[in-house]
PDB file of N, CA and C in Angstrom:
ATOM      1  N   MET A   1       0.994  16.847  -7.126  1.00  0.00           N
ATOM      2  CA  MET A   1       2.061  15.819  -6.916  1.00  0.00           C
ATOM      3  C   MET A   1       2.934  16.118  -5.649  1.00  0.00           C
ATOM      4  N   VAL A   2       3.145  15.136  -4.981  1.00  0.00           N
ATOM      5  CA  VAL A   2       4.018  15.148  -3.821  1.00  0.00           C
ATOM      6  C   VAL A   2       5.238  14.495  -4.072  1.00  0.00           C
ATOM      7  N   ARG A   3       6.393  15.064  -3.766  1.00  0.00           N
ATOM      8  CA  ARG A   3       7.624  14.332  -3.798  1.00  0.00           C
ATOM      9  C   ARG A   3       8.484  14.477  -2.529  1.00  0.00           C
ATOM     10  N   GLU A   4       9.362  13.579  -2.385  1.00  0.00           N
ATOM     11  CA  GLU A   4      10.089  13.649  -1.191  1.00  0.00           C
ATOM     12  C   GLU A   4      11.189  14.761  -1.220  1.00  0.00           C
ATOM     13  N   ILE A   5      11.380  15.537  -0.115  1.00  0.00           N
ATOM     14  CA  ILE A   5      12.289  16.577  -0.076  1.00  0.00           C
ATOM     15  C   ILE A   5      13.665  16.018   0.256  1.00  0.00           C
ATOM     16  N   THR A   6      14.686  16.498  -0.467  1.00  0.00           N
ATOM     17  CA  THR A   6      16.017  15.999  -0.282  1.00  0.00           C
ATOM     18  C   THR A   6      16.620  16.439   0.925  1.00  0.00           C
ATOM     19  N   GLN A   7      17.730  15.982   1.330  1.00  0.00           N
ATOM     20  CA  GLN A   7      18.450  16.327   2.571  1.00  0.00           C
ATOM     21  C   GLN A   7      18.927  17.750   2.374  1.00  0.00           C
ATOM     22  N   ILE A   8      19.371  18.108   1.305  1.00  0.00           N
ATOM     23  CA  ILE A   8      19.990  19.500   1.038  1.00  0.00           C
ATOM     24  C   ILE A   8      18.770  20.507   1.195  1.00  0.00           C
ATOM     25  N   GLU A   9      17.599  20.049   0.564  1.00  0.00           N
ATOM     26  CA  GLU A   9      16.431  21.022   0.778  1.00  0.00           C
ATOM     27  C   GLU A   9      16.042  21.228   2.167  1.00  0.00           C
ATOM     28  N   ARG A  10      16.071  20.104   3.014  1.00  0.00           N
ATOM     29  CA  ARG A  10      15.682  20.218   4.407  1.00  0.00           C
ATOM     30  C   ARG A  10      16.707  21.119   5.116  1.00  0.00           C
ATOM     31  N   ALA A  11      17.989  20.865   4.971  1.00  0.00           N
ATOM     32  CA  ALA A  11      18.959  21.660   5.628  1.00  0.00           C
ATOM     33  C   ALA A  11      18.827  23.169   5.244  1.00  0.00           C
ATOM     34  N   GLN A  12      18.689  23.419   3.874  1.00  0.00           N
ATOM     35  CA  GLN A  12      18.572  24.773   3.510  1.00  0.00           C
ATOM     36  C   GLN A  12      17.293  25.511   4.103  1.00  0.00           C
ATOM     37  N   ALA A  13      16.254  24.742   4.236  1.00  0.00           N
ATOM     38  CA  ALA A  13      15.046  25.318   4.791  1.00  0.00           C
ATOM     39  C   ALA A  13      15.274  25.716   6.177  1.00  0.00           C
ATOM     40  N   VAL A  14      15.939  24.920   6.971  1.00  0.00           N
ATOM     41  CA  VAL A  14      16.321  25.258   8.372  1.00  0.00           C
ATOM     42  C   VAL A  14      17.208  26.461   8.406  1.00  0.00           C
ATOM     43  N   LEU A  15      18.253  26.496   7.532  1.00  0.00           N
ATOM     44  CA  LEU A  15      19.114  27.660   7.575  1.00  0.00           C
ATOM     45  C   LEU A  15      18.427  28.897   7.213  1.00  0.00           C
ATOM     46  N   THR A  16      17.503  28.835   6.243  1.00  0.00           N
ATOM     47  CA  THR A  16      16.824  29.930   5.864  1.00  0.00           C
ATOM     48  C   THR A  16      15.868  30.437   6.945  1.00  0.00           C
ATOM     49  N   SER A  17      15.087  29.483   7.606  1.00  0.00           N
ATOM     50  CA  SER A  17      14.269  29.984   8.623  1.00  0.00           C
ATOM     51  C   SER A  17      14.938  30.537   9.774  1.00  0.00           C
ATOM     52  N   ARG A  18      16.244  30.121  10.123  1.00  0.00           N
ATOM     53  CA  ARG A  18      16.986  30.703  11.154  1.00  0.00           C
ATOM     54  C   ARG A  18      17.487  32.148  10.883  1.00  0.00           C
ATOM     55  N   ALA A  19      17.594  32.370   9.556  1.00  0.00           N
ATOM     56  CA  ALA A  19      18.023  33.778   9.117  1.00  0.00           C
ATOM     57  C   ALA A  19      17.055  34.804   9.595  1.00  0.00           C
ATOM     58  N   GLY A  20      15.801  34.510   9.679  1.00  0.00           N
ATOM     59  CA  GLY A  20      14.761  35.438  10.267  1.00  0.00           C
ATOM     60  C   GLY A  20      14.472  36.646   9.338  1.00  0.00           C
ATOM     61  N   GLN A  21      14.826  36.398   8.056  1.00  0.00           N
ATOM     62  CA  GLN A  21      14.439  37.502   7.142  1.00  0.00           C
ATOM     63  C   GLN A  21      13.126  37.100   6.474  1.00  0.00           C
ATOM     64  N   SER A  22      12.238  38.143   6.443  1.00  0.00           N
ATOM     65  CA  SER A  22      10.874  37.831   5.764  1.00  0.00           C
ATOM     66  C   SER A  22      11.040  37.630   4.364  1.00  0.00           C
ATOM     67  N   GLN A  23      10.241  36.716   3.868  1.00  0.00           N
ATOM     68  CA  GLN A  23      10.206  36.487   2.374  1.00  0.00           C
ATOM     69  C   GLN A  23       8.873  36.725   1.849  1.00  0.00           C
ATOM     70  N   THR A  24       8.781  37.135   0.564  1.00  0.00           N
ATOM     71  CA  THR A  24       7.454  37.547  -0.006  1.00  0.00           C
ATOM     72  C   THR A  24       6.801  36.281  -0.310  1.00  0.00           C
ATOM     73  N   MET A  25       5.488  36.220  -0.411  1.00  0.00           N
ATOM     74  CA  MET A  25       4.678  35.045  -0.671  1.00  0.00           C
ATOM     75  C   MET A  25       4.757  34.826  -2.182  1.00  0.00           C
ATOM     76  N   PRO A  26       4.951  33.541  -2.481  1.00  0.00           N
ATOM     77  CA  PRO A  26       4.874  33.197  -3.973  1.00  0.00           C
ATOM     78  C   PRO A  26       3.547  33.262  -4.430  1.00  0.00           C
ATOM     79  N   ASN A  27       3.425  33.646  -5.843  1.00  0.00           N
ATOM     80  CA  ASN A  27       2.067  33.609  -6.377  1.00  0.00           C
ATOM     81  C   ASN A  27       1.524  32.247  -6.515  1.00  0.00           C
ATOM     82  N   ALA A  28       0.331  32.057  -6.653  1.00  0.00           N
ATOM     83  CA  ALA A  28      -0.323  30.849  -6.743  1.00  0.00           C
ATOM     84  C   ALA A  28       0.060  29.968  -7.926  1.00  0.00           C
ATOM     85  N   GLU A  29       0.528  30.473  -8.937  1.00  0.00           N
ATOM     86  CA  GLU A  29       0.890  29.700 -10.155  1.00  0.00           C
ATOM     87  C   GLU A  29       2.134  29.115 -10.113  1.00  0.00           C
ATOM     88  N   GLN A  30       3.113  29.486  -9.166  1.00  0.00           N
ATOM     89  CA  GLN A  30       4.491  28.856  -9.055  1.00  0.00           C
ATOM     90  C   GLN A  30       4.312  27.550  -8.277  1.00  0.00           C
ATOM     91  N   SER A  31       5.065  26.585  -8.706  1.00  0.00           N
ATOM     92  CA  SER A  31       5.109  25.315  -8.053  1.00  0.00           C
ATOM     93  C   SER A  31       5.866  25.351  -6.838  1.00  0.00           C
ATOM     94  N   PHE A  32       5.689  24.509  -5.871  1.00  0.00           N
ATOM     95  CA  PHE A  32       6.428  24.486  -4.580  1.00  0.00           C
ATOM     96  C   PHE A  32       7.849  24.239  -4.875  1.00  0.00           C
ATOM     97  N   ASP A  33       8.172  23.263  -5.891  1.00  0.00           N
ATOM     98  CA  ASP A  33       9.543  22.990  -6.156  1.00  0.00           C
ATOM     99  C   ASP A  33      10.230  24.268  -6.830  1.00  0.00           C
ATOM    100  N   ALA A  34       9.544  24.999  -7.650  1.00  0.00           N
ATOM    101  CA  ALA A  34      10.299  26.146  -8.243  1.00  0.00           C
ATOM    102  C   ALA A  34      10.536  27.175  -7.225  1.00  0.00           C
ATOM    103  N   VAL A  35       9.680  27.431  -6.217  1.00  0.00           N
ATOM    104  CA  VAL A  35       9.844  28.332  -5.176  1.00  0.00           C
ATOM    105  C   VAL A  35      10.942  27.953  -4.314  1.00  0.00           C
ATOM    106  N   LEU A  36      11.048  26.629  -3.955  1.00  0.00           N
ATOM    107  CA  LEU A  36      12.055  26.066  -3.012  1.00  0.00           C
ATOM    108  C   LEU A  36      13.446  26.185  -3.751  1.00  0.00           C
ATOM    109  N   ARG A  37      13.489  25.809  -4.964  1.00  0.00           N
ATOM    110  CA  ARG A  37      14.796  25.915  -5.685  1.00  0.00           C
ATOM    111  C   ARG A  37      15.244  27.448  -5.760  1.00  0.00           C
ATOM    112  N   GLN A  38      14.282  28.273  -6.077  1.00  0.00           N
ATOM    113  CA  GLN A  38      14.726  29.692  -6.007  1.00  0.00           C
ATOM    114  C   GLN A  38      15.234  30.094  -4.766  1.00  0.00           C
ATOM    115  N   ARG A  39      14.596  29.796  -3.686  1.00  0.00           N
ATOM    116  CA  ARG A  39      15.105  30.274  -2.321  1.00  0.00           C
ATOM    117  C   ARG A  39      16.424  29.566  -1.954  1.00  0.00           C
ATOM    118  N   LEU A  40      16.621  28.261  -2.400  1.00  0.00           N
ATOM    119  CA  LEU A  40      17.943  27.652  -2.095  1.00  0.00           C
ATOM    120  C   LEU A  40      19.016  28.279  -2.846  1.00  0.00           C
ATOM    121  N   GLU A  41      18.790  28.725  -4.051  1.00  0.00           N
ATOM    122  CA  GLU A  41      19.829  29.285  -4.822  1.00  0.00           C
ATOM    123  C   GLU A  41      20.010  30.783  -4.496  1.00  0.00           C
ATOM    124  N   HIS A  42      19.048  31.444  -3.996  1.00  0.00           N
ATOM    125  CA  HIS A  42      19.269  32.955  -3.848  1.00  0.00           C
ATOM    126  C   HIS A  42      18.972  33.450  -2.473  1.00  0.00           C
ATOM    127  N   GLY A  43      18.708  32.431  -1.459  1.00  0.00           N
ATOM    128  CA  GLY A  43      18.389  32.755  -0.033  1.00  0.00           C
ATOM    129  C   GLY A  43      19.512  33.262   0.683  1.00  0.00           C
ATOM    130  N   PRO A  44      19.310  33.766   1.942  1.00  0.00           N
ATOM    131  CA  PRO A  44      20.387  34.355   2.723  1.00  0.00           C
ATOM    132  C   PRO A  44      21.205  33.166   3.225  1.00  0.00           C
ATOM    133  N   GLY A  45      22.389  33.638   3.655  1.00  0.00           N
ATOM    134  CA  GLY A  45      23.341  32.686   4.263  1.00  0.00           C
ATOM    135  C   GLY A  45      24.022  31.787   3.178  1.00  0.00           C
ATOM    136  N   LEU A  46      24.579  30.645   3.625  1.00  0.00           N
ATOM    137  CA  LEU A  46      25.234  29.857   2.751  1.00  0.00           C
ATOM    138  C   LEU A  46      24.270  29.137   1.751  1.00  0.00           C
ATOM    139  N   THR A  47      24.639  29.234   0.449  1.00  0.00           N
ATOM    140  CA  THR A  47      23.768  28.552  -0.543  1.00  0.00           C
ATOM    141  C   THR A  47      24.592  27.605  -1.372  1.00  0.00           C
ATOM    142  N   PHE A  48      23.918  26.633  -2.040  1.00  0.00           N
ATOM    143  CA  PHE A  48      24.502  25.660  -2.938  1.00  0.00           C
ATOM    144  C   PHE A  48      24.180  25.960  -4.347  1.00  0.00           C
ATOM    145  N   SER A  49      25.135  25.999  -5.179  1.00  0.00           N
ATOM    146  CA  SER A  49      24.919  26.130  -6.602  1.00  0.00           C
ATOM    147  C   SER A  49      24.092  24.977  -7.141  1.00  0.00           C
ATOM    148  N   LYS A  50      23.504  25.077  -8.260  1.00  0.00           N
ATOM    149  CA  LYS A  50      22.774  24.013  -8.848  1.00  0.00           C
ATOM    150  C   LYS A  50      23.700  22.828  -9.033  1.00  0.00           C
ATOM    151  N   HIS A  51      24.890  23.030  -9.505  1.00  0.00           N
ATOM    152  CA  HIS A  51      25.962  21.950  -9.683  1.00  0.00           C
ATOM    153  C   HIS A  51      26.222  21.189  -8.369  1.00  0.00           C
ATOM    154  N   ALA A  52      26.346  21.961  -7.270  1.00  0.00           N
ATOM    155  CA  ALA A  52      26.770  21.410  -6.001  1.00  0.00           C
ATOM    156  C   ALA A  52      25.483  20.529  -5.435  1.00  0.00           C
ATOM    157  N   MET A  53      24.389  21.092  -5.773  1.00  0.00           N
ATOM    158  CA  MET A  53      23.085  20.325  -5.369  1.00  0.00           C
ATOM    159  C   MET A  53      22.948  18.945  -6.014  1.00  0.00           C
ATOM    160  N   GLU A  54      23.297  19.087  -7.390  1.00  0.00           N
ATOM    161  CA  GLU A  54      23.336  17.697  -8.077  1.00  0.00           C
ATOM    162  C   GLU A  54      24.326  16.814  -7.601  1.00  0.00           C
ATOM    163  N   ARG A  55      25.520  17.333  -7.210  1.00  0.00           N
ATOM    164  CA  ARG A  55      26.559  16.426  -6.747  1.00  0.00           C
ATOM    165  C   ARG A  55      26.199  15.817  -5.369  1.00  0.00           C
ATOM    166  N   VAL A  56      25.629  16.633  -4.582  1.00  0.00           N
ATOM    167  CA  VAL A  56      25.136  16.151  -3.221  1.00  0.00           C
ATOM    168  C   VAL A  56      24.284  14.890  -3.335  1.00  0.00           C
ATOM    169  N   GLU A  57      23.245  15.214  -4.250  1.00  0.00           N
ATOM    170  CA  GLU A  57      22.306  14.105  -4.458  1.00  0.00           C
ATOM    171  C   GLU A  57      22.916  12.870  -5.081  1.00  0.00           C
ATOM    172  N   GLU A  58      23.636  13.015  -6.148  1.00  0.00           N
ATOM    173  CA  GLU A  58      24.194  11.829  -6.905  1.00  0.00           C
ATOM    174  C   GLU A  58      25.213  11.153  -6.078  1.00  0.00           C
ATOM    175  N   ARG A  59      25.921  11.845  -5.297  1.00  0.00           N
ATOM    176  CA  ARG A  59      27.071  11.184  -4.497  1.00  0.00           C
ATOM    177  C   ARG A  59      26.658  10.729  -3.113  1.00  0.00           C
ATOM    178  N   GLY A  60      25.372  10.993  -2.762  1.00  0.00           N
ATOM    179  CA  GLY A  60      24.812  10.536  -1.506  1.00  0.00           C
ATOM    180  C   GLY A  60      25.433  11.215  -0.324  1.00  0.00           C
ATOM    181  N   ILE A  61      25.805  12.406  -0.411  1.00  0.00           N
ATOM    182  CA  ILE A  61      26.429  13.229   0.681  1.00  0.00           C
ATOM    183  C   ILE A  61      25.196  13.636   1.624  1.00  0.00           C
ATOM    184  N   GLU A  62      25.426  13.367   2.897  1.00  0.00           N
ATOM    185  CA  GLU A  62      24.373  13.761   3.838  1.00  0.00           C
ATOM    186  C   GLU A  62      24.602  15.167   4.272  1.00  0.00           C
ATOM    187  N   VAL A  63      23.762  16.139   3.988  1.00  0.00           N
ATOM    188  CA  VAL A  63      23.888  17.466   4.363  1.00  0.00           C
ATOM    189  C   VAL A  63      22.888  17.703   5.506  1.00  0.00           C
ATOM    190  N   THR A  64      23.322  17.996   6.673  1.00  0.00           N
ATOM    191  CA  THR A  64      22.539  18.203   7.891  1.00  0.00           C
ATOM    192  C   THR A  64      22.642  19.666   8.290  1.00  0.00           C
ATOM    193  N   PRO A  65      21.713  20.146   9.100  1.00  0.00           N
ATOM    194  CA  PRO A  65      21.840  21.529   9.604  1.00  0.00           C
ATOM    195  C   PRO A  65      23.234  21.742  10.416  1.00  0.00           C
ATOM    196  N   HIS A  66      23.550  20.723  11.044  1.00  0.00           N
ATOM    197  CA  HIS A  66      24.876  20.838  11.770  1.00  0.00           C
ATOM    198  C   HIS A  66      26.031  21.020  10.723  1.00  0.00           C
ATOM    199  N   LEU A  67      26.007  20.308   9.638  1.00  0.00           N
ATOM    200  CA  LEU A  67      27.103  20.502   8.614  1.00  0.00           C
ATOM    201  C   LEU A  67      26.963  21.967   8.055  1.00  0.00           C
ATOM    202  N   ILE A  68      25.768  22.377   7.696  1.00  0.00           N
ATOM    203  CA  ILE A  68      25.552  23.672   7.098  1.00  0.00           C
ATOM    204  C   ILE A  68      26.152  24.683   8.103  1.00  0.00           C
ATOM    205  N   GLU A  69      25.906  24.677   9.471  1.00  0.00           N
ATOM    206  CA  GLU A  69      26.462  25.534  10.398  1.00  0.00           C
ATOM    207  C   GLU A  69      27.989  25.534  10.314  1.00  0.00           C
ATOM    208  N   ARG A  70      28.575  24.418  10.268  1.00  0.00           N
ATOM    209  CA  ARG A  70      30.145  24.181  10.271  1.00  0.00           C
ATOM    210  C   ARG A  70      30.641  24.876   8.932  1.00  0.00           C
ATOM    211  N   LEU A  71      29.899  24.628   7.841  1.00  0.00           N
ATOM    212  CA  LEU A  71      30.436  25.216   6.593  1.00  0.00           C
ATOM    213  C   LEU A  71      30.291  26.756   6.627  1.00  0.00           C
ATOM    214  N   SER A  72      29.195  27.354   7.199  1.00  0.00           N
ATOM    215  CA  SER A  72      29.000  28.714   7.344  1.00  0.00           C
ATOM    216  C   SER A  72      30.048  29.297   8.317  1.00  0.00           C
ATOM    217  N   ASP A  73      30.459  28.587   9.298  1.00  0.00           N
ATOM    218  CA  ASP A  73      31.540  29.061  10.213  1.00  0.00           C
ATOM    219  C   ASP A  73      32.840  29.053   9.464  1.00  0.00           C
ATOM    220  N   SER A  74      33.018  28.075   8.668  1.00  0.00           N
ATOM    221  CA  SER A  74      34.283  28.071   7.938  1.00  0.00           C
ATOM    222  C   SER A  74      34.431  29.261   6.953  1.00  0.00           C
ATOM    223  N   VAL A  75      33.291  29.513   6.305  1.00  0.00           N
ATOM    224  CA  VAL A  75      33.165  30.709   5.449  1.00  0.00           C
ATOM    225  C   VAL A  75      33.543  31.991   6.183  1.00  0.00           C
ATOM    226  N   ALA A  76      33.013  32.111   7.333  1.00  0.00           N
ATOM    227  CA  ALA A  76      33.201  33.341   8.116  1.00  0.00           C
ATOM    228  C   ALA A  76      34.732  33.396   8.486  1.00  0.00           C
ATOM    229  N   ARG A  77      35.277  32.375   8.908  1.00  0.00           N
ATOM    230  CA  ARG A  77      36.648  32.315   9.284  1.00  0.00           C
ATOM    231  C   ARG A  77      37.618  32.680   8.048  1.00  0.00           C
ATOM    232  N   ALA A  78      37.247  32.041   7.033  1.00  0.00           N
ATOM    233  CA  ALA A  78      38.019  32.298   5.749  1.00  0.00           C
ATOM    234  C   ALA A  78      37.953  33.714   5.248  1.00  0.00           C
ATOM    235  N   GLU A  79      36.737  34.234   5.476  1.00  0.00           N
ATOM    236  CA  GLU A  79      36.596  35.654   5.001  1.00  0.00           C
ATOM    237  C   GLU A  79      37.318  36.692   5.894  1.00  0.00           C
ATOM    238  N   ALA A  80      37.473  36.312   7.163  1.00  0.00           N
ATOM    239  CA  ALA A  80      38.207  37.131   8.038  1.00  0.00           C
ATOM    240  C   ALA A  80      39.756  37.091   7.662  1.00  0.00           C
ATOM    241  N   LYS A  81      40.149  35.993   7.041  1.00  0.00           N
ATOM    242  CA  LYS A  81      41.637  35.863   6.666  1.00  0.00           C
ATOM    243  C   LYS A  81      41.766  36.428   5.215  1.00  0.00           C
ATOM    244  N   GLY A  82      40.688  36.846   4.489  1.00  0.00           N
ATOM    245  CA  GLY A  82      40.812  37.327   3.196  1.00  0.00           C
ATOM    246  C   GLY A  82      40.782  36.337   2.089  1.00  0.00           C
ATOM    247  N   ALA A  83      40.360  35.083   2.337  1.00  0.00           N
ATOM    248  CA  ALA A  83      40.265  34.074   1.259  1.00  0.00           C
ATOM    249  C   ALA A  83      39.070  34.322   0.413  1.00  0.00           C
ATOM    250  N   THR A  84      39.136  33.871  -0.811  1.00  0.00           N
ATOM    251  CA  THR A  84      38.073  34.036  -1.643  1.00  0.00           C
ATOM    252  C   THR A  84      37.416  32.704  -2.148  1.00  0.00           C
ATOM    253  N   ASN A  85      38.293  31.649  -2.343  1.00  0.00           N
ATOM    254  CA  ASN A  85      37.675  30.346  -2.697  1.00  0.00           C
ATOM    255  C   ASN A  85      38.401  29.352  -1.717  1.00  0.00           C
ATOM    256  N   ILE A  86      37.668  28.599  -1.006  1.00  0.00           N
ATOM    257  CA  ILE A  86      38.309  27.698  -0.093  1.00  0.00           C
ATOM    258  C   ILE A  86      37.845  26.207  -0.330  1.00  0.00           C
ATOM    259  N   LEU A  87      38.700  25.328   0.143  1.00  0.00           N
ATOM    260  CA  LEU A  87      38.399  23.916   0.234  1.00  0.00           C
ATOM    261  C   LEU A  87      37.966  23.634   1.738  1.00  0.00           C
ATOM    262  N   ALA A  88      36.696  23.352   1.948  1.00  0.00           N
ATOM    263  CA  ALA A  88      36.387  22.928   3.346  1.00  0.00           C
ATOM    264  C   ALA A  88      36.410  21.382   3.419  1.00  0.00           C
ATOM    265  N   LEU A  89      37.278  20.847   4.173  1.00  0.00           N
ATOM    266  CA  LEU A  89      37.555  19.414   4.122  1.00  0.00           C
ATOM    267  C   LEU A  89      37.287  18.713   5.386  1.00  0.00           C
ATOM    268  N   GLU A  90      36.581  17.596   5.231  1.00  0.00           N
ATOM    269  CA  GLU A  90      36.281  16.581   6.271  1.00  0.00           C
ATOM    270  C   GLU A  90      36.790  15.232   5.815  1.00  0.00           C
ATOM    271  N   ARG A  91      36.832  14.396   6.831  1.00  0.00           N
ATOM    272  CA  ARG A  91      37.456  13.002   6.395  1.00  0.00           C
ATOM    273  C   ARG A  91      36.658  12.423   5.252  1.00  0.00           C
ATOM    274  N   SER A  92      35.455  12.537   5.239  1.00  0.00           N
ATOM    275  CA  SER A  92      34.648  11.748   4.200  1.00  0.00           C
ATOM    276  C   SER A  92      34.025  12.626   3.165  1.00  0.00           C
ATOM    277  N   MET A  93      34.224  13.932   3.147  1.00  0.00           N
ATOM    278  CA  MET A  93      33.755  14.835   2.124  1.00  0.00           C
ATOM    279  C   MET A  93      34.564  16.163   1.971  1.00  0.00           C
ATOM    280  N   ALA A  94      34.369  16.826   0.911  1.00  0.00           N
ATOM    281  CA  ALA A  94      35.003  18.015   0.622  1.00  0.00           C
ATOM    282  C   ALA A  94      33.956  18.974  -0.056  1.00  0.00           C
ATOM    283  N   PHE A  95      34.187  20.317   0.216  1.00  0.00           N
ATOM    284  CA  PHE A  95      33.304  21.336  -0.424  1.00  0.00           C
ATOM    285  C   PHE A  95      34.272  22.398  -1.005  1.00  0.00           C
ATOM    286  N   ILE A  96      34.010  22.860  -2.141  1.00  0.00           N
ATOM    287  CA  ILE A  96      34.628  24.033  -2.648  1.00  0.00           C
ATOM    288  C   ILE A  96      33.732  25.169  -2.610  1.00  0.00           C
ATOM    289  N   ILE A  97      34.079  26.247  -1.820  1.00  0.00           N
ATOM    290  CA  ILE A  97      33.132  27.374  -1.498  1.00  0.00           C
ATOM    291  C   ILE A  97      33.701  28.701  -2.020  1.00  0.00           C
ATOM    292  N   ASN A  98      32.858  29.491  -2.675  1.00  0.00           N
ATOM    293  CA  ASN A  98      33.206  30.800  -2.956  1.00  0.00           C
ATOM    294  C   ASN A  98      32.862  31.714  -1.871  1.00  0.00           C
ATOM    295  N   VAL A  99      33.821  32.234  -1.123  1.00  0.00           N
ATOM    296  CA  VAL A  99      33.614  32.878   0.193  1.00  0.00           C
ATOM    297  C   VAL A  99      32.797  34.233  -0.013  1.00  0.00           C
ATOM    298  N   PRO A 100      33.144  35.119  -0.959  1.00  0.00           N
ATOM    299  CA  PRO A 100      32.353  36.409  -0.994  1.00  0.00           C
ATOM    300  C   PRO A 100      30.820  36.205  -1.294  1.00  0.00           C
ATOM    301  N   ASN A 101      30.553  35.181  -1.971  1.00  0.00           N
ATOM    302  CA  ASN A 101      29.086  34.903  -2.299  1.00  0.00           C
ATOM    303  C   ASN A 101      28.594  33.810  -1.356  1.00  0.00           C
ATOM    304  N   GLY A 102      29.306  33.251  -0.460  1.00  0.00           N
ATOM    305  CA  GLY A 102      28.857  32.289   0.427  1.00  0.00           C
ATOM    306  C   GLY A 102      28.059  31.170  -0.354  1.00  0.00           C
ATOM    307  N   ARG A 103      28.703  30.678  -1.361  1.00  0.00           N
ATOM    308  CA  ARG A 103      28.018  29.700  -2.271  1.00  0.00           C
ATOM    309  C   ARG A 103      29.033  28.487  -2.427  1.00  0.00           C
ATOM    310  N   VAL A 104      28.405  27.248  -2.157  1.00  0.00           N
ATOM    311  CA  VAL A 104      29.096  26.007  -2.318  1.00  0.00           C
ATOM    312  C   VAL A 104      29.032  25.772  -3.831  1.00  0.00           C
ATOM    313  N   ILE A 105      30.265  25.546  -4.399  1.00  0.00           N
ATOM    314  CA  ILE A 105      30.380  25.377  -5.887  1.00  0.00           C
ATOM    315  C   ILE A 105      30.271  23.967  -6.203  1.00  0.00           C
ATOM    316  N   THR A 106      30.943  23.044  -5.389  1.00  0.00           N
ATOM    317  CA  THR A 106      30.862  21.639  -5.734  1.00  0.00           C
ATOM    318  C   THR A 106      31.202  20.907  -4.429  1.00  0.00           C
ATOM    319  N   THR A 107      30.899  19.587  -4.438  1.00  0.00           N
ATOM    320  CA  THR A 107      31.142  18.750  -3.355  1.00  0.00           C
ATOM    321  C   THR A 107      31.701  17.407  -3.757  1.00  0.00           C
ATOM    322  N   MET A 108      32.444  16.739  -3.013  1.00  0.00           N
ATOM    323  CA  MET A 108      33.017  15.490  -3.347  1.00  0.00           C
ATOM    324  C   MET A 108      32.924  14.558  -2.193  1.00  0.00           C
ATOM    325  N   SER A 109      32.754  13.280  -2.505  1.00  0.00           N
ATOM    326  CA  SER A 109      32.816  12.262  -1.299  1.00  0.00           C
ATOM    327  C   SER A 109      34.217  11.814  -1.200  1.00  0.00           C
ATOM    328  N   GLN A 110      34.498  10.995  -0.249  1.00  0.00           N
ATOM    329  CA  GLN A 110      35.819  10.472  -0.001  1.00  0.00           C
ATOM    330  C   GLN A 110      36.416   9.737  -1.279  1.00  0.00           C
ATOM    331  N   ASP A 111      35.706   8.966  -1.973  1.00  0.00           N
ATOM    332  CA  ASP A 111      36.136   8.174  -3.062  1.00  0.00           C
ATOM    333  C   ASP A 111      36.648   9.141  -4.134  1.00  0.00           C
ATOM    334  N   GLU A 112      35.964  10.268  -4.364  1.00  0.00           N
ATOM    335  CA  GLU A 112      36.366  11.133  -5.437  1.00  0.00           C
ATOM    336  C   GLU A 112      37.524  11.993  -5.051  1.00  0.00           C
ATOM    337  N   MET A 113      37.830  12.171  -3.857  1.00  0.00           N
ATOM    338  CA  MET A 113      38.881  13.038  -3.360  1.00  0.00           C
ATOM    339  C   MET A 113      40.287  12.222  -3.622  1.00  0.00           C
ATOM    340  N   LYS A 114      40.368  10.962  -3.708  1.00  0.00           N
ATOM    341  CA  LYS A 114      41.598  10.284  -3.809  1.00  0.00           C
ATOM    342  C   LYS A 114      42.445  10.631  -4.937  1.00  0.00           C
ATOM    343  N   ASP A 115      41.880  10.876  -6.181  1.00  0.00           N
ATOM    344  CA  ASP A 115      42.645  11.125  -7.339  1.00  0.00           C
ATOM    345  C   ASP A 115      42.454  12.588  -7.722  1.00  0.00           C
ATOM    346  N   ASN A 116      42.002  13.443  -6.899  1.00  0.00           N
ATOM    347  CA  ASN A 116      41.751  14.877  -7.361  1.00  0.00           C
ATOM    348  C   ASN A 116      42.718  15.695  -6.878  1.00  0.00           C
ATOM    349  N   ILE A 117      42.961  16.756  -7.739  1.00  0.00           N
ATOM    350  CA  ILE A 117      43.786  17.927  -7.406  1.00  0.00           C
ATOM    351  C   ILE A 117      42.867  19.101  -7.223  1.00  0.00           C
ATOM    352  N   PHE A 118      43.035  19.857  -6.168  1.00  0.00           N
ATOM    353  CA  PHE A 118      42.158  21.059  -5.986  1.00  0.00           C
ATOM    354  C   PHE A 118      42.903  22.154  -6.479  1.00  0.00           C
ATOM    355  N   THR A 119      42.259  22.922  -7.438  1.00  0.00           N
ATOM    356  CA  THR A 119      42.884  24.092  -7.978  1.00  0.00           C
ATOM    357  C   THR A 119      42.019  25.319  -7.768  1.00  0.00           C
ATOM    358  N   ASN A 120      42.487  26.407  -8.001  1.00  0.00           N
ATOM    359  CA  ASN A 120      41.734  27.677  -7.913  1.00  0.00           C
ATOM    360  C   ASN A 120      41.247  27.996  -6.510  1.00  0.00           C
ATOM    361  N   ILE A 121      41.944  27.553  -5.542  1.00  0.00           N
ATOM    362  CA  ILE A 121      41.500  27.912  -4.061  1.00  0.00           C
ATOM    363  C   ILE A 121      42.644  28.680  -3.526  1.00  0.00           C
ATOM    364  N   ASP A 122      42.374  29.448  -2.572  1.00  0.00           N
ATOM    365  CA  ASP A 122      43.387  30.272  -1.915  1.00  0.00           C
ATOM    366  C   ASP A 122      43.376  29.993  -0.369  1.00  0.00           C
ATOM    367  N   GLY A 123      42.663  28.957   0.038  1.00  0.00           N
ATOM    368  CA  GLY A 123      42.611  28.541   1.450  1.00  0.00           C
ATOM    369  C   GLY A 123      41.881  27.276   1.615  1.00  0.00           C
ATOM    370  N   ALA A 124      42.180  26.670   2.799  1.00  0.00           N
ATOM    371  CA  ALA A 124      41.527  25.380   3.184  1.00  0.00           C
ATOM    372  C   ALA A 124      41.216  25.498   4.577  1.00  0.00           C
ATOM    373  N   VAL A 125      40.067  24.913   4.869  1.00  0.00           N
ATOM    374  CA  VAL A 125      39.591  24.843   6.283  1.00  0.00           C
ATOM    375  C   VAL A 125      39.231  23.450   6.588  1.00  0.00           C
ATOM    376  N   ILE A 126      39.699  22.887   7.715  1.00  0.00           N
ATOM    377  CA  ILE A 126      39.527  21.491   8.162  1.00  0.00           C
ATOM    378  C   ILE A 126      38.197  21.608   9.026  1.00  0.00           C
ATOM    379  N   LEU A 127      37.236  20.881   8.640  1.00  0.00           N
ATOM    380  CA  LEU A 127      36.004  20.841   9.502  1.00  0.00           C
ATOM    381  C   LEU A 127      36.059  20.044  10.606  1.00  0.00           C
TER     382      LEU A 127
END
């Protein structure tokens, strides 16, 4: 069965391929979807939690390789300042990121940001 690859999966594939780390070949019994999900959740560089991936898809947030690079840069800058949980904010979207793990915890579109209070963060980065 063939299915369309989502934007987040394409962006993560680009990020993973740029990392240049060799990956072991999956066994023939694993589905492509299972292998891809595993690499998205545990691969090198910035990763998205399952929750964040679901929010990206349901909220229609476009995740591009350029956005992934900007988020990765914001994590590096926040790490240099000692932050552990940051809000990466753009006009139309927001990302809560756990800096030590390089993991996006959740995402929000502009509409959801209007009435939300961001808690448990110790830094903010404007993208």
